[in-house]
């Protein structure tokens, strides 16, 4: 592998052959169509540079691999081409923090 999955949009990088996610090498706008291993997928949400995209459909609780290593698991079913982030990916090693309204990292006094 040279960083690209066969028949996949060049803006999606495969870091290791066994990975089930791809990395966005550019900002991909919602509604845009990309090819992932020969299948055309229309993106439901904008995917920012450096974010993960499902290489294939993932079942709930399926391990997510990046660089060939487990980085967490899907906490809901994920479709091919869907954005993988804190809304559907949970770390198996570290707490996952978000900037959701009403959540604070450090309590204010």
N, C-alpha and C. Protein backbone atom coordinates (compact mmCIF):
# COMPACT_ATOMS: atom_id res chain seq x y z
N UNK A 1 0.85 -1.19 0.00
CA UNK A 1 0.00 0.00 0.00
C UNK A 1 0.88 1.24 0.00
N UNK A 2 0.43 2.24 -0.71
CA UNK A 2 1.18 3.49 -0.76
C UNK A 2 0.41 4.61 -0.08
N UNK A 3 -0.52 4.27 0.80
CA UNK A 3 -1.33 5.27 1.47
C UNK A 3 -2.69 5.45 0.85
N UNK A 4 -2.94 4.75 -0.26
CA UNK A 4 -4.23 4.87 -0.93
C UNK A 4 -4.86 3.50 -1.06
N UNK A 5 -6.16 3.44 -0.80
CA UNK A 5 -6.90 2.21 -1.04
C UNK A 5 -7.28 2.18 -2.52
N UNK A 6 -7.26 1.03 -3.17
CA UNK A 6 -7.61 0.97 -4.59
C UNK A 6 -9.02 1.52 -4.83
N UNK A 7 -9.18 2.25 -5.93
CA UNK A 7 -10.48 2.79 -6.34
C UNK A 7 -11.12 3.65 -5.25
N UNK A 8 -10.28 4.44 -4.59
CA UNK A 8 -10.73 5.33 -3.51
C UNK A 8 -10.27 6.75 -3.81
N UNK A 9 -11.12 7.70 -3.51
CA UNK A 9 -10.81 9.13 -3.69
C UNK A 9 -9.43 9.42 -3.09
N UNK A 10 -8.59 10.10 -3.84
CA UNK A 10 -7.22 10.40 -3.41
C UNK A 10 -7.17 11.27 -2.16
N UNK A 11 -8.28 11.91 -1.80
CA UNK A 11 -8.31 12.75 -0.58
C UNK A 11 -8.56 11.92 0.67
N UNK A 12 -8.71 10.61 0.52
CA UNK A 12 -8.89 9.70 1.65
C UNK A 12 -7.67 8.78 1.74
N UNK A 13 -6.96 8.86 2.84
CA UNK A 13 -5.70 8.15 3.00
C UNK A 13 -5.89 6.91 3.86
N UNK A 14 -5.33 5.79 3.39
CA UNK A 14 -5.31 4.55 4.15
C UNK A 14 -3.95 4.45 4.83
N UNK A 15 -3.93 4.44 6.16
CA UNK A 15 -2.67 4.44 6.90
C UNK A 15 -2.06 3.05 7.01
N UNK A 16 -2.88 2.00 7.07
CA UNK A 16 -2.40 0.62 7.14
C UNK A 16 -3.44 -0.28 6.47
N UNK A 17 -3.01 -1.33 5.79
CA UNK A 17 -3.94 -2.18 5.03
C UNK A 17 -5.09 -2.75 5.85
N UNK A 18 -4.87 -3.01 7.13
CA UNK A 18 -5.94 -3.60 7.96
C UNK A 18 -6.90 -2.58 8.56
N UNK A 19 -6.62 -1.29 8.38
CA UNK A 19 -7.49 -0.24 8.94
C UNK A 19 -8.90 -0.32 8.37
N UNK A 20 -9.89 -0.03 9.23
CA UNK A 20 -11.27 0.07 8.76
C UNK A 20 -11.74 1.52 8.75
N UNK A 21 -10.77 2.44 8.82
CA UNK A 21 -11.06 3.87 8.64
C UNK A 21 -10.03 4.46 7.69
N UNK A 22 -10.43 5.56 7.08
CA UNK A 22 -9.58 6.33 6.19
C UNK A 22 -9.44 7.72 6.80
N UNK A 23 -8.40 8.45 6.44
CA UNK A 23 -8.16 9.78 6.98
C UNK A 23 -8.37 10.82 5.88
N UNK A 24 -9.14 11.84 6.19
CA UNK A 24 -9.41 12.90 5.22
C UNK A 24 -8.16 13.76 5.05
N UNK A 25 -7.64 13.84 3.82
CA UNK A 25 -6.47 14.66 3.52
C UNK A 25 -6.87 16.06 3.07
N UNK A 26 -8.17 16.32 3.10
CA UNK A 26 -8.72 17.63 2.75
C UNK A 26 -10.09 17.73 3.41
N UNK A 27 -10.60 18.93 3.52
CA UNK A 27 -11.96 19.12 4.04
C UNK A 27 -12.94 18.61 2.98
N UNK A 28 -13.85 17.74 3.37
CA UNK A 28 -14.84 17.14 2.46
C UNK A 28 -16.22 17.66 2.86
N UNK A 29 -16.88 18.34 1.96
CA UNK A 29 -18.14 19.00 2.26
C UNK A 29 -19.32 18.04 2.27
N UNK A 30 -20.27 18.30 3.16
CA UNK A 30 -21.52 17.54 3.19
C UNK A 30 -22.17 17.60 1.81
N UNK A 31 -22.71 16.48 1.36
CA UNK A 31 -23.37 16.42 0.06
C UNK A 31 -22.43 16.03 -1.07
N UNK A 32 -21.12 16.09 -0.80
CA UNK A 32 -20.14 15.71 -1.82
C UNK A 32 -20.12 14.19 -1.95
N UNK A 33 -19.85 13.69 -3.16
CA UNK A 33 -19.75 12.26 -3.40
C UNK A 33 -18.28 11.88 -3.53
N UNK A 34 -17.87 10.84 -2.80
CA UNK A 34 -16.51 10.32 -2.87
C UNK A 34 -16.59 8.84 -3.21
N UNK A 35 -15.50 8.32 -3.75
CA UNK A 35 -15.43 6.89 -4.05
C UNK A 35 -14.60 6.22 -2.96
N UNK A 36 -15.15 5.13 -2.42
CA UNK A 36 -14.42 4.33 -1.42
C UNK A 36 -14.41 2.89 -1.92
N UNK A 37 -13.22 2.46 -2.35
CA UNK A 37 -13.02 1.11 -2.87
C UNK A 37 -14.07 0.73 -3.91
N UNK A 38 -14.30 1.64 -4.85
CA UNK A 38 -15.19 1.38 -5.96
C UNK A 38 -16.65 1.72 -5.73
N UNK A 39 -17.03 2.08 -4.51
CA UNK A 39 -18.42 2.45 -4.22
C UNK A 39 -18.52 3.96 -4.04
N UNK A 40 -19.47 4.56 -4.73
CA UNK A 40 -19.69 6.00 -4.59
C UNK A 40 -20.57 6.24 -3.36
N UNK A 41 -20.10 7.16 -2.50
CA UNK A 41 -20.77 7.46 -1.24
C UNK A 41 -20.98 8.97 -1.16
N UNK A 42 -22.22 9.39 -0.85
CA UNK A 42 -22.50 10.80 -0.64
C UNK A 42 -22.36 11.10 0.85
N UNK A 43 -21.56 12.09 1.17
CA UNK A 43 -21.28 12.41 2.57
C UNK A 43 -22.45 13.14 3.22
N UNK A 44 -22.90 12.64 4.35
CA UNK A 44 -24.02 13.24 5.07
C UNK A 44 -23.59 14.50 5.83
N UNK A 45 -22.33 14.52 6.28
CA UNK A 45 -21.82 15.66 7.06
C UNK A 45 -20.46 16.07 6.51
N UNK A 46 -20.08 17.31 6.78
CA UNK A 46 -18.75 17.77 6.41
C UNK A 46 -17.73 17.03 7.27
N UNK A 47 -16.66 16.61 6.63
CA UNK A 47 -15.57 15.91 7.33
C UNK A 47 -14.33 16.79 7.23
N UNK A 48 -13.83 17.19 8.36
CA UNK A 48 -12.69 18.11 8.40
C UNK A 48 -11.37 17.39 8.12
N UNK A 49 -10.39 18.14 7.69
CA UNK A 49 -9.05 17.65 7.43
C UNK A 49 -8.54 16.86 8.64
N UNK A 50 -8.02 15.67 8.40
CA UNK A 50 -7.44 14.85 9.46
C UNK A 50 -8.42 13.97 10.20
N UNK A 51 -9.72 14.12 9.92
CA UNK A 51 -10.72 13.31 10.62
C UNK A 51 -10.88 11.95 9.95
N UNK A 52 -11.44 11.02 10.68
CA UNK A 52 -11.62 9.65 10.22
C UNK A 52 -12.95 9.47 9.49
N UNK A 53 -12.92 8.57 8.49
CA UNK A 53 -14.08 8.20 7.69
C UNK A 53 -14.14 6.68 7.70
N UNK A 54 -15.33 6.11 7.87
CA UNK A 54 -15.46 4.66 7.86
C UNK A 54 -15.13 4.11 6.48
N UNK A 55 -14.18 3.20 6.42
CA UNK A 55 -13.79 2.56 5.17
C UNK A 55 -14.86 1.59 4.68
N UNK A 56 -15.57 1.02 5.62
CA UNK A 56 -16.68 0.10 5.35
C UNK A 56 -17.68 0.25 6.48
N UNK A 57 -18.84 -0.38 6.34
CA UNK A 57 -19.83 -0.33 7.42
C UNK A 57 -19.26 -1.01 8.66
N UNK A 58 -19.55 -0.44 9.82
CA UNK A 58 -19.10 -0.99 11.09
C UNK A 58 -20.31 -1.28 11.97
N UNK A 59 -20.29 -2.41 12.63
CA UNK A 59 -21.36 -2.76 13.56
C UNK A 59 -21.10 -2.10 14.91
N UNK A 60 -22.17 -1.93 15.68
CA UNK A 60 -22.03 -1.41 17.04
C UNK A 60 -21.06 -2.33 17.79
N UNK A 61 -20.16 -1.75 18.54
CA UNK A 61 -19.14 -2.42 19.35
C UNK A 61 -17.97 -2.98 18.55
N UNK A 62 -17.97 -2.80 17.22
CA UNK A 62 -16.83 -3.26 16.42
C UNK A 62 -15.62 -2.38 16.69
N UNK A 63 -14.45 -2.99 16.79
CA UNK A 63 -13.20 -2.26 17.03
C UNK A 63 -12.86 -1.42 15.81
N UNK A 64 -12.34 -0.22 16.05
CA UNK A 64 -11.90 0.67 14.98
C UNK A 64 -10.37 0.63 14.96
N UNK A 65 -9.81 0.40 13.78
CA UNK A 65 -8.37 0.28 13.61
C UNK A 65 -7.83 1.48 12.84
N UNK A 66 -6.76 2.06 13.35
CA UNK A 66 -6.03 3.15 12.69
C UNK A 66 -4.55 2.84 12.86
N UNK A 67 -3.77 2.94 11.81
CA UNK A 67 -2.37 2.51 11.83
C UNK A 67 -2.25 1.04 12.24
N UNK A 68 -3.30 0.25 11.98
CA UNK A 68 -3.28 -1.16 12.33
C UNK A 68 -3.51 -1.44 13.80
N UNK A 69 -3.76 -0.42 14.59
CA UNK A 69 -3.95 -0.57 16.03
C UNK A 69 -5.38 -0.20 16.42
N UNK A 70 -5.91 -0.89 17.42
CA UNK A 70 -7.24 -0.55 17.92
C UNK A 70 -7.19 0.79 18.62
N UNK A 71 -8.10 1.68 18.22
CA UNK A 71 -8.17 2.99 18.87
C UNK A 71 -9.46 3.16 19.65
N UNK A 72 -10.37 2.21 19.52
CA UNK A 72 -11.64 2.30 20.20
C UNK A 72 -12.66 1.41 19.52
N UNK A 73 -13.95 1.69 19.79
CA UNK A 73 -15.01 0.90 19.18
C UNK A 73 -16.17 1.81 18.78
N UNK A 74 -16.92 1.34 17.80
CA UNK A 74 -18.10 2.07 17.36
C UNK A 74 -19.18 1.91 18.42
N UNK A 75 -19.76 3.01 18.90
CA UNK A 75 -20.80 2.90 19.93
C UNK A 75 -22.20 2.93 19.30
N UNK A 76 -22.25 2.85 17.97
CA UNK A 76 -23.49 2.77 17.19
C UNK A 76 -23.10 2.22 15.82
N UNK A 77 -24.04 1.70 15.06
CA UNK A 77 -23.70 1.28 13.70
C UNK A 77 -23.20 2.48 12.89
N UNK A 78 -22.20 2.26 12.04
CA UNK A 78 -21.59 3.31 11.24
C UNK A 78 -21.62 2.87 9.78
N UNK A 79 -22.10 3.72 8.91
CA UNK A 79 -22.17 3.41 7.48
C UNK A 79 -20.84 3.71 6.80
N UNK A 80 -20.58 3.03 5.68
CA UNK A 80 -19.39 3.34 4.88
C UNK A 80 -19.43 4.82 4.51
N UNK A 81 -18.29 5.50 4.69
CA UNK A 81 -18.20 6.91 4.36
C UNK A 81 -18.66 7.86 5.45
N UNK A 82 -19.15 7.31 6.56
CA UNK A 82 -19.62 8.16 7.66
C UNK A 82 -18.43 8.68 8.46
N UNK A 83 -18.58 9.89 8.98
CA UNK A 83 -17.58 10.51 9.85
C UNK A 83 -17.45 9.68 11.12
N UNK A 84 -16.24 9.30 11.48
CA UNK A 84 -15.96 8.61 12.74
C UNK A 84 -15.38 9.63 13.70
N UNK A 85 -16.11 9.90 14.77
CA UNK A 85 -15.65 10.89 15.74
C UNK A 85 -16.34 10.58 17.07
N UNK A 86 -16.30 11.49 18.01
CA UNK A 86 -16.79 11.22 19.36
C UNK A 86 -18.28 10.90 19.43
N UNK A 87 -19.06 11.21 18.40
CA UNK A 87 -20.49 10.91 18.42
C UNK A 87 -20.77 9.43 18.14
N UNK A 88 -19.81 8.70 17.53
CA UNK A 88 -20.04 7.29 17.22
C UNK A 88 -18.80 6.42 17.46
N UNK A 89 -17.76 6.99 18.04
CA UNK A 89 -16.52 6.27 18.32
C UNK A 89 -16.12 6.55 19.76
N UNK A 90 -15.90 5.49 20.50
CA UNK A 90 -15.52 5.62 21.90
C UNK A 90 -14.16 4.98 22.11
N UNK A 91 -13.27 5.69 22.78
CA UNK A 91 -11.95 5.16 23.08
C UNK A 91 -12.08 4.00 24.07
N UNK A 92 -11.27 2.98 23.86
CA UNK A 92 -11.21 1.87 24.82
C UNK A 92 -10.14 2.11 25.87
N UNK A 93 -9.43 3.24 25.77
CA UNK A 93 -8.27 3.46 26.62
C UNK A 93 -8.35 4.74 27.44
N UNK A 94 -8.91 5.79 26.85
CA UNK A 94 -8.95 7.09 27.51
C UNK A 94 -10.37 7.61 27.54
N UNK A 95 -10.73 8.40 28.54
CA UNK A 95 -12.05 9.03 28.52
C UNK A 95 -12.19 9.91 27.27
N UNK A 96 -13.38 9.96 26.72
CA UNK A 96 -13.65 10.80 25.56
C UNK A 96 -14.30 12.08 26.04
N UNK A 97 -13.71 13.22 25.69
CA UNK A 97 -14.23 14.51 26.09
C UNK A 97 -14.77 15.23 24.87
N UNK A 98 -15.85 15.96 25.06
CA UNK A 98 -16.42 16.74 23.96
C UNK A 98 -16.63 18.17 24.43
N UNK A 99 -16.95 19.03 23.51
CA UNK A 99 -17.25 20.42 23.81
C UNK A 99 -18.75 20.65 23.74
N UNK A 100 -19.54 19.63 24.04
CA UNK A 100 -20.99 19.75 23.99
C UNK A 100 -21.46 20.80 24.99
N UNK A 101 -22.55 21.45 24.64
CA UNK A 101 -23.14 22.46 25.54
C UNK A 101 -23.42 21.83 26.90
N UNK A 102 -23.08 22.55 27.95
CA UNK A 102 -23.36 22.08 29.30
C UNK A 102 -22.27 21.22 29.89
N UNK A 103 -21.24 20.87 29.14
CA UNK A 103 -20.14 20.06 29.66
C UNK A 103 -18.90 20.94 29.81
N UNK A 104 -18.22 20.78 30.91
CA UNK A 104 -17.00 21.55 31.17
C UNK A 104 -15.87 20.60 31.50
N UNK A 105 -14.67 20.94 31.08
CA UNK A 105 -13.50 20.15 31.43
C UNK A 105 -13.05 20.45 32.84
N UNK A 106 -13.08 21.73 33.22
CA UNK A 106 -12.66 22.17 34.55
C UNK A 106 -13.80 22.99 35.12
N UNK A 107 -14.31 22.62 36.29
CA UNK A 107 -15.41 23.40 36.86
C UNK A 107 -14.98 24.85 37.13
N UNK A 108 -15.85 25.79 36.79
CA UNK A 108 -15.59 27.20 37.06
C UNK A 108 -16.04 27.51 38.49
N UNK A 109 -15.27 28.37 39.18
CA UNK A 109 -15.63 28.74 40.54
C UNK A 109 -16.26 30.09 40.57
